[in-house]
Amino acid sequence: MATRIGGQRTSQDLTQSLLAEISSIAQDTVAIETSFTNVLTRLKGILDDDAIAASNEFRKVIDELIEKWTIHARAFQEHRWASQEVAIKASASAEDFAEVSLQVVTNDTVTHEEKIATLNDYIENLKEEIKKSKDLADGFENLQFEIGQFKDDWERIIQKYNNTLKQSAKTKGIKSEIQNLGNKIKKYHSKITTLRTTVHFLSYISVFTSVRHKKRQEGLLALSDLELSTDTESDPDGLLDGQATNSNQLAITFQAHKVLNECLEECVPDMDIIKKGTERFRSVWTAVCSKSSLVILFTSQYGFS
């Protein structure tokens, strides 16, 4: 199990953050589903009004709206179920990989090709989870757009059947209810996007943790992170040119871990920060591990090379 080392974030920390986001999304889900139900109840209530029941044309319009709204509500539920499934699977996958890959990478009986294959399989599987999560986030954005269109449809109906609607108290509040729901969907979409980013960075730190444990076993890393005092900023050019001593390599490794930690802390919500953070991480990480085929594979797969 990953632990917090030297005050730095690990895969377990990020997993807990991911699960907390899923829990928060679940709470938002209740509010959104309640809004869907409220609008549907209001629409059905309109049909019970005697003044509106007298107009067959208007009843047909409301029936069509109810059908459309039911489709929206079902779409939201399907997106929500799928998004939680993807997030939980990705979280479990990253945690499992942190353990399984550690055993594979540190096992001298496993061939180099098998180690590469293990990382390749994991990265490909994770890419699929990330793609699914992205598609889901886009799906929520589309749903928000469709609900906005529904609100516009309702406004047109109000204008067309203005006299009839004025006679029914049951039509009041529907417009604002739909507007509020659109805002909730927008917030929900933002959280799903954040969730996708967290899943993505969870993959980074899982691979990082596994390779880092391997290097600890090789004796490259000291037993205590806190005992290091090497100045990593005094000769950055020498470090990045590969001329560093073992002591400096140690320092760069911890600098890389620190940069990754900062990138994780800053990654939401500013995508520019993510880009800058990953670039900084790439420069120090590849400097330390330039001769490691496993890390070269990892960095090339994720755009760090």
C-alpha atoms as a PDB file:
ATOM      1  CA  MET A   1       0.000   0.000   0.000  1.00  0.00           C
ATOM      2  CA  ALA A   2       1.348   3.425  -0.883  1.00  0.00           C
ATOM      3  CA  THR A   3       2.078   5.807   1.965  1.00  0.00           C
ATOM      4  CA  ARG A   4       2.934   9.456   2.382  1.00  0.00           C
ATOM      5  CA  ILE A   5       6.727   9.806   2.119  1.00  0.00           C
ATOM      6  CA  GLY A   6       8.509  12.956   3.154  1.00  0.00           C
ATOM      7  CA  GLY A   7       5.225  14.852   3.264  1.00  0.00           C
ATOM      8  CA  GLN A   8       4.602  14.126  -0.409  1.00  0.00           C
ATOM      9  CA  ARG A   9       1.491  12.839  -2.069  1.00  0.00           C
ATOM     10  CA  THR A  10       1.208   9.168  -3.016  1.00  0.00           C
ATOM     11  CA  SER A  11      -1.179   6.994  -4.986  1.00  0.00           C
ATOM     12  CA  GLN A  12      -3.162   6.223  -1.831  1.00  0.00           C
ATOM     13  CA  ASP A  13      -3.622   9.943  -1.128  1.00  0.00           C
ATOM     14  CA  LEU A  14      -4.782  10.580  -4.666  1.00  0.00           C
ATOM     15  CA  THR A  15      -7.085   7.572  -4.585  1.00  0.00           C
ATOM     16  CA  GLN A  16      -8.739   8.939  -1.445  1.00  0.00           C
ATOM     17  CA  SER A  17      -9.127  12.289  -3.202  1.00  0.00           C
ATOM     18  CA  LEU A  18     -10.701  10.515  -6.157  1.00  0.00           C
ATOM     19  CA  LEU A  19     -13.163   8.626  -3.969  1.00  0.00           C
ATOM     20  CA  ALA A  20     -14.047  11.871  -2.169  1.00  0.00           C
ATOM     21  CA  GLU A  21     -14.874  13.445  -5.533  1.00  0.00           C
ATOM     22  CA  ILE A  22     -17.043  10.463  -6.436  1.00  0.00           C
ATOM     23  CA  SER A  23     -18.873  10.842  -3.112  1.00  0.00           C
ATOM     24  CA  SER A  24     -19.415  14.546  -3.777  1.00  0.00           C
ATOM     25  CA  ILE A  25     -20.747  13.769  -7.239  1.00  0.00           C
ATOM     26  CA  ALA A  26     -23.121  11.213  -5.743  1.00  0.00           C
ATOM     27  CA  GLN A  27     -24.545  13.913  -3.463  1.00  0.00           C
ATOM     28  CA  ASP A  28     -24.981  16.266  -6.413  1.00  0.00           C
ATOM     29  CA  THR A  29     -26.727  13.460  -8.252  1.00  0.00           C
ATOM     30  CA  VAL A  30     -29.523  13.378  -5.687  1.00  0.00           C
ATOM     31  CA  ALA A  31     -30.191  17.105  -6.152  1.00  0.00           C
ATOM     32  CA  ILE A  32     -30.175  16.819  -9.938  1.00  0.00           C
ATOM     33  CA  GLU A  33     -32.462  13.801 -10.013  1.00  0.00           C
ATOM     34  CA  THR A  34     -34.825  15.622  -7.651  1.00  0.00           C
ATOM     35  CA  SER A  35     -34.946  18.530 -10.108  1.00  0.00           C
ATOM     36  CA  PHE A  36     -35.689  16.181 -12.992  1.00  0.00           C
ATOM     37  CA  THR A  37     -38.532  14.682 -10.956  1.00  0.00           C
ATOM     38  CA  ASN A  38     -39.885  18.107  -9.971  1.00  0.00           C
ATOM     39  CA  VAL A  39     -40.061  19.291 -13.573  1.00  0.00           C
ATOM     40  CA  LEU A  40     -41.689  16.049 -14.686  1.00  0.00           C
ATOM     41  CA  THR A  41     -44.253  16.299 -11.879  1.00  0.00           C
ATOM     42  CA  ARG A  42     -45.043  19.892 -12.856  1.00  0.00           C
ATOM     43  CA  LEU A  43     -45.477  18.961 -16.506  1.00  0.00           C
ATOM     44  CA  LYS A  44     -47.822  16.092 -15.659  1.00  0.00           C
ATOM     45  CA  GLY A  45     -49.716  18.347 -13.266  1.00  0.00           C
ATOM     46  CA  ILE A  46     -50.498  20.742 -16.096  1.00  0.00           C
ATOM     47  CA  LEU A  47     -52.474  18.009 -17.850  1.00  0.00           C
ATOM     48  CA  ASP A  48     -54.722  17.704 -14.791  1.00  0.00           C
ATOM     49  CA  ASP A  49     -55.783  21.328 -15.099  1.00  0.00           C
ATOM     50  CA  ASP A  50     -59.300  21.643 -16.535  1.00  0.00           C
ATOM     51  CA  ALA A  51     -58.455  24.821 -18.445  1.00  0.00           C
ATOM     52  CA  ILE A  52     -55.619  23.084 -20.275  1.00  0.00           C
ATOM     53  CA  ALA A  53     -57.379  19.744 -20.671  1.00  0.00           C
ATOM     54  CA  ALA A  54     -59.917  21.481 -22.888  1.00  0.00           C
ATOM     55  CA  SER A  55     -57.239  22.105 -25.523  1.00  0.00           C
ATOM     56  CA  ASN A  56     -56.353  18.876 -27.317  1.00  0.00           C
ATOM     57  CA  GLU A  57     -53.560  20.626 -29.206  1.00  0.00           C
ATOM     58  CA  PHE A  58     -51.977  21.875 -26.006  1.00  0.00           C
ATOM     59  CA  ARG A  59     -52.296  18.467 -24.351  1.00  0.00           C
ATOM     60  CA  LYS A  60     -50.397  16.956 -27.265  1.00  0.00           C
ATOM     61  CA  VAL A  61     -47.619  19.533 -26.880  1.00  0.00           C
ATOM     62  CA  ILE A  62     -47.287  18.834 -23.152  1.00  0.00           C
ATOM     63  CA  ASP A  63     -47.273  15.071 -23.780  1.00  0.00           C
ATOM     64  CA  GLU A  64     -44.384  15.537 -26.206  1.00  0.00           C
ATOM     65  CA  LEU A  65     -42.494  17.626 -23.650  1.00  0.00           C
ATOM     66  CA  ILE A  66     -43.031  14.967 -20.986  1.00  0.00           C
ATOM     67  CA  GLU A  67     -41.670  12.310 -23.330  1.00  0.00           C
ATOM     68  CA  LYS A  68     -38.642  14.438 -24.180  1.00  0.00           C
ATOM     69  CA  TRP A  69     -38.010  15.260 -20.518  1.00  0.00           C
ATOM     70  CA  THR A  70     -38.187  11.578 -19.573  1.00  0.00           C
ATOM     71  CA  ILE A  71     -35.488  10.878 -22.154  1.00  0.00           C
ATOM     72  CA  HIS A  72     -33.302  13.611 -20.625  1.00  0.00           C
ATOM     73  CA  ALA A  73     -33.760  12.166 -17.142  1.00  0.00           C
ATOM     74  CA  ARG A  74     -32.876   8.669 -18.350  1.00  0.00           C
ATOM     75  CA  ALA A  75     -29.796   9.990 -20.172  1.00  0.00           C
ATOM     76  CA  PHE A  76     -28.590  11.669 -17.000  1.00  0.00           C
ATOM     77  CA  GLN A  77     -28.962   8.467 -14.996  1.00  0.00           C
ATOM     78  CA  GLU A  78     -27.063   6.459 -17.606  1.00  0.00           C
ATOM     79  CA  HIS A  79     -24.251   9.040 -17.724  1.00  0.00           C
ATOM     80  CA  ARG A  80     -24.084   9.122 -13.951  1.00  0.00           C
ATOM     81  CA  TRP A  81     -23.949   5.354 -13.539  1.00  0.00           C
ATOM     82  CA  ALA A  82     -21.316   5.011 -16.237  1.00  0.00           C
ATOM     83  CA  SER A  83     -19.160   7.846 -14.901  1.00  0.00           C
ATOM     84  CA  GLN A  84     -19.031   6.375 -11.416  1.00  0.00           C
ATOM     85  CA  GLU A  85     -18.224   2.939 -12.813  1.00  0.00           C
ATOM     86  CA  VAL A  86     -15.377   4.337 -14.907  1.00  0.00           C
ATOM     87  CA  ALA A  87     -13.950   6.332 -12.010  1.00  0.00           C
ATOM     88  CA  ILE A  88     -14.053   3.431  -9.569  1.00  0.00           C
ATOM     89  CA  LYS A  89     -12.551   1.010 -12.113  1.00  0.00           C
ATOM     90  CA  ALA A  90      -9.746   3.435 -12.947  1.00  0.00           C
ATOM     91  CA  SER A  91      -9.030   3.988  -9.268  1.00  0.00           C
ATOM     92  CA  ALA A  92      -8.900   0.249  -8.573  1.00  0.00           C
ATOM     93  CA  SER A  93      -6.777  -0.314 -11.671  1.00  0.00           C
ATOM     94  CA  ALA A  94      -4.209   2.240 -10.548  1.00  0.00           C
ATOM     95  CA  GLU A  95      -4.032   0.802  -7.035  1.00  0.00           C
ATOM     96  CA  ASP A  96      -3.701  -2.755  -8.337  1.00  0.00           C
ATOM     97  CA  PHE A  97      -0.992  -1.688 -10.733  1.00  0.00           C
ATOM     98  CA  ALA A  98       0.999  -0.057  -7.934  1.00  0.00           C
ATOM     99  CA  GLU A  99       1.219  -3.474  -6.267  1.00  0.00           C
ATOM    100  CA  VAL A 100       1.391  -5.803  -9.269  1.00  0.00           C
ATOM    101  CA  SER A 101       3.914  -3.756 -11.224  1.00  0.00           C
ATOM    102  CA  LEU A 102       6.108  -3.435  -8.138  1.00  0.00           C
ATOM    103  CA  GLN A 103       6.301  -7.218  -7.950  1.00  0.00           C
ATOM    104  CA  VAL A 104       7.015  -7.505 -11.671  1.00  0.00           C
ATOM    105  CA  VAL A 105       9.531  -4.661 -11.933  1.00  0.00           C
ATOM    106  CA  THR A 106      11.508  -5.823  -8.896  1.00  0.00           C
ATOM    107  CA  ASN A 107      11.452  -9.518  -9.808  1.00  0.00           C
ATOM    108  CA  ASP A 108      14.760 -10.531 -11.368  1.00  0.00           C
ATOM    109  CA  THR A 109      13.188 -13.692 -12.811  1.00  0.00           C
ATOM    110  CA  VAL A 110      10.855 -11.616 -14.989  1.00  0.00           C
ATOM    111  CA  THR A 111      12.397 -10.749 -18.331  1.00  0.00           C
ATOM    112  CA  HIS A 112      12.845  -7.203 -19.553  1.00  0.00           C
ATOM    113  CA  GLU A 113      10.327  -7.875 -22.327  1.00  0.00           C
ATOM    114  CA  GLU A 114       7.736  -9.080 -19.807  1.00  0.00           C
ATOM    115  CA  LYS A 115       8.234  -5.957 -17.723  1.00  0.00           C
ATOM    116  CA  ILE A 116       7.721  -3.772 -20.775  1.00  0.00           C
ATOM    117  CA  ALA A 117       4.610  -5.778 -21.689  1.00  0.00           C
ATOM    118  CA  THR A 118       3.201  -5.286 -18.181  1.00  0.00           C
ATOM    119  CA  LEU A 119       3.542  -1.517 -18.437  1.00  0.00           C
ATOM    120  CA  ASN A 120       2.221  -1.506 -21.991  1.00  0.00           C
ATOM    121  CA  ASP A 121      -0.908  -3.439 -21.043  1.00  0.00           C
ATOM    122  CA  TYR A 122      -1.597  -1.208 -18.067  1.00  0.00           C
ATOM    123  CA  ILE A 123      -1.097   2.005 -20.008  1.00  0.00           C
ATOM    124  CA  GLU A 124      -3.375   0.838 -22.827  1.00  0.00           C
ATOM    125  CA  ASN A 125      -6.093  -0.179 -20.368  1.00  0.00           C
ATOM    126  CA  LEU A 126      -5.796   3.118 -18.554  1.00  0.00           C
ATOM    127  CA  LYS A 127      -6.027   5.042 -21.818  1.00  0.00           C
ATOM    128  CA  GLU A 128      -9.357   3.344 -22.454  1.00  0.00           C
ATOM    129  CA  GLU A 129     -10.640   4.351 -19.011  1.00  0.00           C
ATOM    130  CA  ILE A 130      -9.501   7.934 -19.540  1.00  0.00           C
ATOM    131  CA  LYS A 131     -11.171   8.053 -22.965  1.00  0.00           C
ATOM    132  CA  LYS A 132     -14.426   6.712 -21.505  1.00  0.00           C
ATOM    133  CA  SER A 133     -14.304   9.318 -18.769  1.00  0.00           C
ATOM    134  CA  LYS A 134     -13.716  12.078 -21.328  1.00  0.00           C
ATOM    135  CA  ASP A 135     -16.629  10.861 -23.435  1.00  0.00           C
ATOM    136  CA  LEU A 136     -18.845  10.882 -20.343  1.00  0.00           C
ATOM    137  CA  ALA A 137     -17.841  14.420 -19.448  1.00  0.00           C
ATOM    138  CA  ASP A 138     -18.671  15.504 -22.990  1.00  0.00           C
ATOM    139  CA  GLY A 139     -21.986  13.672 -22.637  1.00  0.00           C
ATOM    140  CA  PHE A 140     -22.922  15.753 -19.609  1.00  0.00           C
ATOM    141  CA  GLU A 141     -22.045  18.900 -21.535  1.00  0.00           C
ATOM    142  CA  ASN A 142     -24.350  17.792 -24.357  1.00  0.00           C
ATOM    143  CA  LEU A 143     -27.098  17.051 -21.842  1.00  0.00           C
ATOM    144  CA  GLN A 144     -26.742  20.539 -20.397  1.00  0.00           C
ATOM    145  CA  PHE A 145     -27.132  21.971 -23.913  1.00  0.00           C
ATOM    146  CA  GLU A 146     -30.232  19.849 -24.550  1.00  0.00           C
ATOM    147  CA  ILE A 147     -31.822  21.001 -21.298  1.00  0.00           C
ATOM    148  CA  GLY A 148     -31.172  24.587 -22.365  1.00  0.00           C
ATOM    149  CA  GLN A 149     -33.000  23.853 -25.597  1.00  0.00           C
ATOM    150  CA  PHE A 150     -35.863  22.354 -23.620  1.00  0.00           C
ATOM    151  CA  LYS A 151     -36.124  25.584 -21.631  1.00  0.00           C
ATOM    152  CA  ASP A 152     -36.286  27.517 -24.918  1.00  0.00           C
ATOM    153  CA  ASP A 153     -39.046  25.173 -26.113  1.00  0.00           C
ATOM    154  CA  TRP A 154     -40.995  25.862 -22.942  1.00  0.00           C
ATOM    155  CA  GLU A 155     -40.650  29.623 -23.394  1.00  0.00           C
ATOM    156  CA  ARG A 156     -42.011  29.331 -26.935  1.00  0.00           C
ATOM    157  CA  ILE A 157     -44.961  27.322 -25.636  1.00  0.00           C
ATOM    158  CA  ILE A 158     -45.666  29.978 -23.018  1.00  0.00           C
ATOM    159  CA  GLN A 159     -45.767  32.633 -25.718  1.00  0.00           C
ATOM    160  CA  LYS A 160     -47.966  30.556 -28.026  1.00  0.00           C
ATOM    161  CA  TYR A 161     -50.476  29.481 -25.376  1.00  0.00           C
ATOM    162  CA  ASN A 162     -50.182  32.562 -23.208  1.00  0.00           C
ATOM    163  CA  ASN A 163     -53.891  33.021 -22.500  1.00  0.00           C
ATOM    164  CA  THR A 164     -54.446  29.381 -21.603  1.00  0.00           C
ATOM    165  CA  LEU A 165     -51.372  29.182 -19.384  1.00  0.00           C
ATOM    166  CA  LYS A 166     -52.374  32.290 -17.454  1.00  0.00           C
ATOM    167  CA  GLN A 167     -55.383  30.387 -16.205  1.00  0.00           C
ATOM    168  CA  SER A 168     -53.253  27.612 -14.671  1.00  0.00           C
ATOM    169  CA  ALA A 169     -51.207  28.101 -11.521  1.00  0.00           C
ATOM    170  CA  LYS A 170     -49.486  24.802 -12.237  1.00  0.00           C
ATOM    171  CA  THR A 171     -47.319  26.285 -14.973  1.00  0.00           C
ATOM    172  CA  LYS A 172     -45.594  28.717 -12.625  1.00  0.00           C
ATOM    173  CA  GLY A 173     -42.028  27.969 -11.695  1.00  0.00           C
ATOM    174  CA  ILE A 174     -41.279  25.481 -14.447  1.00  0.00           C
ATOM    175  CA  LYS A 175     -39.017  27.874 -16.327  1.00  0.00           C
ATOM    176  CA  SER A 176     -36.923  28.676 -13.245  1.00  0.00           C
ATOM    177  CA  GLU A 177     -36.805  24.986 -12.292  1.00  0.00           C
ATOM    178  CA  ILE A 178     -35.397  24.111 -15.705  1.00  0.00           C
ATOM    179  CA  GLN A 179     -32.923  27.001 -15.510  1.00  0.00           C
ATOM    180  CA  ASN A 180     -31.703  25.845 -12.102  1.00  0.00           C
ATOM    181  CA  LEU A 181     -31.335  22.310 -13.388  1.00  0.00           C
ATOM    182  CA  GLY A 182     -29.216  23.546 -16.278  1.00  0.00           C
ATOM    183  CA  ASN A 183     -26.915  25.261 -13.780  1.00  0.00           C
ATOM    184  CA  LYS A 184     -26.675  22.078 -11.713  1.00  0.00           C
ATOM    185  CA  ILE A 185     -25.782  20.057 -14.806  1.00  0.00           C
ATOM    186  CA  LYS A 186     -23.077  22.614 -15.633  1.00  0.00           C
ATOM    187  CA  LYS A 187     -21.581  22.222 -12.154  1.00  0.00           C
ATOM    188  CA  TYR A 188     -21.869  18.455 -12.427  1.00  0.00           C
ATOM    189  CA  HIS A 189     -20.072  18.477 -15.772  1.00  0.00           C
ATOM    190  CA  SER A 190     -17.271  20.493 -14.185  1.00  0.00           C
ATOM    191  CA  LYS A 191     -16.902  17.899 -11.438  1.00  0.00           C
ATOM    192  CA  ILE A 192     -16.830  15.043 -13.926  1.00  0.00           C
ATOM    193  CA  THR A 193     -14.094  16.859 -15.856  1.00  0.00           C
ATOM    194  CA  THR A 194     -12.139  17.276 -12.617  1.00  0.00           C
ATOM    195  CA  LEU A 195     -12.695  13.599 -11.918  1.00  0.00           C
ATOM    196  CA  ARG A 196     -11.210  12.715 -15.300  1.00  0.00           C
ATOM    197  CA  THR A 197      -8.122  14.807 -14.543  1.00  0.00           C
ATOM    198  CA  THR A 198      -7.717  13.130 -11.162  1.00  0.00           C
ATOM    199  CA  VAL A 199      -7.956   9.672 -12.727  1.00  0.00           C
ATOM    200  CA  HIS A 200      -5.322  10.697 -15.261  1.00  0.00           C
ATOM    201  CA  PHE A 201      -2.884  11.958 -12.650  1.00  0.00           C
ATOM    202  CA  LEU A 202      -3.549   8.922 -10.487  1.00  0.00           C
ATOM    203  CA  SER A 203      -2.026   6.892 -13.306  1.00  0.00           C
ATOM    204  CA  TYR A 204       1.096   9.057 -13.316  1.00  0.00           C
ATOM    205  CA  ILE A 205       1.730   8.663  -9.628  1.00  0.00           C
ATOM    206  CA  SER A 206       1.028   4.917  -9.686  1.00  0.00           C
ATOM    207  CA  VAL A 207       3.722   4.331 -12.290  1.00  0.00           C
ATOM    208  CA  PHE A 208       6.005   6.778 -10.516  1.00  0.00           C
ATOM    209  CA  THR A 209       5.545   4.994  -7.174  1.00  0.00           C
ATOM    210  CA  SER A 210       6.306   1.579  -8.661  1.00  0.00           C
ATOM    211  CA  VAL A 211       9.492   2.636 -10.445  1.00  0.00           C
ATOM    212  CA  ARG A 212      10.525   4.666  -7.408  1.00  0.00           C
ATOM    213  CA  HIS A 213      10.274   1.571  -5.195  1.00  0.00           C
ATOM    214  CA  LYS A 214      12.415  -0.298  -7.713  1.00  0.00           C
ATOM    215  CA  LYS A 215      15.112   2.357  -7.508  1.00  0.00           C
ATOM    216  CA  ARG A 216      14.950   2.299  -3.721  1.00  0.00           C
ATOM    217  CA  GLN A 217      15.691  -1.440  -3.815  1.00  0.00           C
ATOM    218  CA  GLU A 218      18.603  -0.816  -6.166  1.00  0.00           C
ATOM    219  CA  GLY A 219      20.101   1.473  -3.554  1.00  0.00           C
ATOM    220  CA  LEU A 220      19.686   4.661  -5.591  1.00  0.00           C
ATOM    221  CA  LEU A 221      17.346   6.195  -3.045  1.00  0.00           C
ATOM    222  CA  ALA A 222      18.242   6.792   0.592  1.00  0.00           C
ATOM    223  CA  LEU A 223      16.212   5.116   3.305  1.00  0.00           C
ATOM    224  CA  SER A 224      14.953   8.452   4.563  1.00  0.00           C
ATOM    225  CA  ASP A 225      13.751  11.150   2.175  1.00  0.00           C
ATOM    226  CA  LEU A 226      14.126  13.762   4.881  1.00  0.00           C
ATOM    227  CA  GLU A 227      17.876  13.169   5.276  1.00  0.00           C
ATOM    228  CA  LEU A 228      18.673  14.609   1.840  1.00  0.00           C
ATOM    229  CA  SER A 229      20.215  18.081   1.799  1.00  0.00           C
ATOM    230  CA  THR A 230      21.706  18.282  -1.702  1.00  0.00           C
ATOM    231  CA  ASP A 231      21.043  21.604  -3.422  1.00  0.00           C
ATOM    232  CA  THR A 232      19.247  20.758  -6.669  1.00  0.00           C
ATOM    233  CA  GLU A 233      19.145  24.313  -7.962  1.00  0.00           C
ATOM    234  CA  SER A 234      22.850  25.239  -7.775  1.00  0.00           C
ATOM    235  CA  ASP A 235      23.801  23.453 -10.981  1.00  0.00           C
ATOM    236  CA  PRO A 236      20.644  22.686 -12.953  1.00  0.00           C
ATOM    237  CA  ASP A 237      22.392  22.595 -16.314  1.00  0.00           C
ATOM    238  CA  GLY A 238      24.874  20.016 -15.128  1.00  0.00           C
ATOM    239  CA  LEU A 239      22.087  17.917 -13.684  1.00  0.00           C
ATOM    240  CA  LEU A 240      19.986  17.940 -16.796  1.00  0.00           C
ATOM    241  CA  ASP A 241      23.024  17.280 -19.001  1.00  0.00           C
ATOM    242  CA  GLY A 242      23.464  13.938 -17.260  1.00  0.00           C
ATOM    243  CA  GLN A 243      26.750  14.924 -15.567  1.00  0.00           C
ATOM    244  CA  ALA A 244      25.347  14.609 -12.065  1.00  0.00           C
ATOM    245  CA  THR A 245      26.878  12.544  -9.285  1.00  0.00           C
ATOM    246  CA  ASN A 246      24.865   9.838  -7.547  1.00  0.00           C
ATOM    247  CA  SER A 247      24.096  12.344  -4.806  1.00  0.00           C
ATOM    248  CA  ASN A 248      22.758  14.803  -7.331  1.00  0.00           C
ATOM    249  CA  GLN A 249      20.746  12.041  -8.988  1.00  0.00           C
ATOM    250  CA  LEU A 250      19.142  11.425  -5.646  1.00  0.00           C
ATOM    251  CA  ALA A 251      18.299  15.089  -5.335  1.00  0.00           C
ATOM    252  CA  ILE A 252      16.845  15.262  -8.838  1.00  0.00           C
ATOM    253  CA  THR A 253      14.670  12.255  -8.109  1.00  0.00           C
ATOM    254  CA  PHE A 254      13.170  13.974  -5.112  1.00  0.00           C
ATOM    255  CA  GLN A 255      12.857  17.202  -7.066  1.00  0.00           C
ATOM    256  CA  ALA A 256      10.912  15.258  -9.685  1.00  0.00           C
ATOM    257  CA  HIS A 257       8.653  13.860  -6.999  1.00  0.00           C
ATOM    258  CA  LYS A 258       8.154  17.360  -5.583  1.00  0.00           C
ATOM    259  CA  VAL A 259       7.296  18.767  -9.012  1.00  0.00           C
ATOM    260  CA  LEU A 260       4.818  15.962  -9.624  1.00  0.00           C
ATOM    261  CA  ASN A 261       3.253  16.661  -6.246  1.00  0.00           C
ATOM    262  CA  GLU A 262       2.922  20.365  -7.101  1.00  0.00           C
ATOM    263  CA  CYS A 263       1.415  19.435 -10.447  1.00  0.00           C
ATOM    264  CA  LEU A 264      -1.164  17.269  -8.702  1.00  0.00           C
ATOM    265  CA  GLU A 265      -1.984  20.039  -6.247  1.00  0.00           C
ATOM    266  CA  GLU A 266      -2.360  22.635  -8.985  1.00  0.00           C
ATOM    267  CA  CYS A 267      -3.960  20.572 -11.740  1.00  0.00           C
ATOM    268  CA  VAL A 268      -7.518  21.711 -11.012  1.00  0.00           C
ATOM    269  CA  PRO A 269      -8.891  23.837 -12.485  1.00  0.00           C
ATOM    270  CA  ASP A 270      -6.194  25.554 -14.577  1.00  0.00           C
ATOM    271  CA  MET A 271      -5.155  23.471 -17.599  1.00  0.00           C
ATOM    272  CA  ASP A 272      -2.249  25.841 -18.306  1.00  0.00           C
ATOM    273  CA  ILE A 273      -0.806  24.952 -14.923  1.00  0.00           C
ATOM    274  CA  ILE A 274      -1.115  21.275 -15.818  1.00  0.00           C
ATOM    275  CA  LYS A 275       0.822  21.845 -19.013  1.00  0.00           C
ATOM    276  CA  LYS A 276       3.583  23.792 -17.254  1.00  0.00           C
ATOM    277  CA  GLY A 277       3.715  21.349 -14.374  1.00  0.00           C
ATOM    278  CA  THR A 278       4.028  18.290 -16.592  1.00  0.00           C
ATOM    279  CA  GLU A 279       6.752  19.989 -18.616  1.00  0.00           C
ATOM    280  CA  ARG A 280       8.753  20.696 -15.445  1.00  0.00           C
ATOM    281  CA  PHE A 281       8.194  17.133 -14.322  1.00  0.00           C
ATOM    282  CA  ARG A 282       9.341  15.772 -17.674  1.00  0.00           C
ATOM    283  CA  SER A 283      12.658  17.627 -17.598  1.00  0.00           C
ATOM    284  CA  VAL A 284      13.774  16.409 -14.177  1.00  0.00           C
ATOM    285  CA  TRP A 285      12.218  12.951 -14.376  1.00  0.00           C
ATOM    286  CA  THR A 286      13.819  12.003 -17.693  1.00  0.00           C
ATOM    287  CA  ALA A 287      17.170  13.410 -16.517  1.00  0.00           C
ATOM    288  CA  VAL A 288      17.281  10.909 -13.677  1.00  0.00           C
ATOM    289  CA  CYS A 289      15.837   7.948 -15.540  1.00  0.00           C
ATOM    290  CA  SER A 290      17.171   8.491 -19.065  1.00  0.00           C
ATOM    291  CA  LYS A 291      18.747   5.028 -19.103  1.00  0.00           C
ATOM    292  CA  SER A 292      15.684   3.213 -17.845  1.00  0.00           C
ATOM    293  CA  SER A 293      13.679   1.611 -20.648  1.00  0.00           C
ATOM    294  CA  LEU A 294      10.679   1.246 -18.354  1.00  0.00           C
ATOM    295  CA  VAL A 295      10.561   4.948 -17.599  1.00  0.00           C
ATOM    296  CA  ILE A 296      11.293   5.886 -21.194  1.00  0.00           C
ATOM    297  CA  LEU A 297       8.252   3.820 -22.147  1.00  0.00           C
ATOM    298  CA  PHE A 298       6.152   5.570 -19.517  1.00  0.00           C
ATOM    299  CA  THR A 299       7.285   9.069 -20.492  1.00  0.00           C
ATOM    300  CA  SER A 300       6.834   8.491 -24.218  1.00  0.00           C
ATOM    301  CA  GLN A 301       3.366   6.988 -23.764  1.00  0.00           C
ATOM    302  CA  TYR A 302       2.173   9.983 -21.766  1.00  0.00           C
ATOM    303  CA  GLY A 303       3.803  12.733 -23.799  1.00  0.00           C
ATOM    304  CA  PHE A 304       6.638  13.473 -21.373  1.00  0.00           C
ATOM    305  CA  SER A 305       9.372  12.557 -23.860  1.00  0.00           C
END
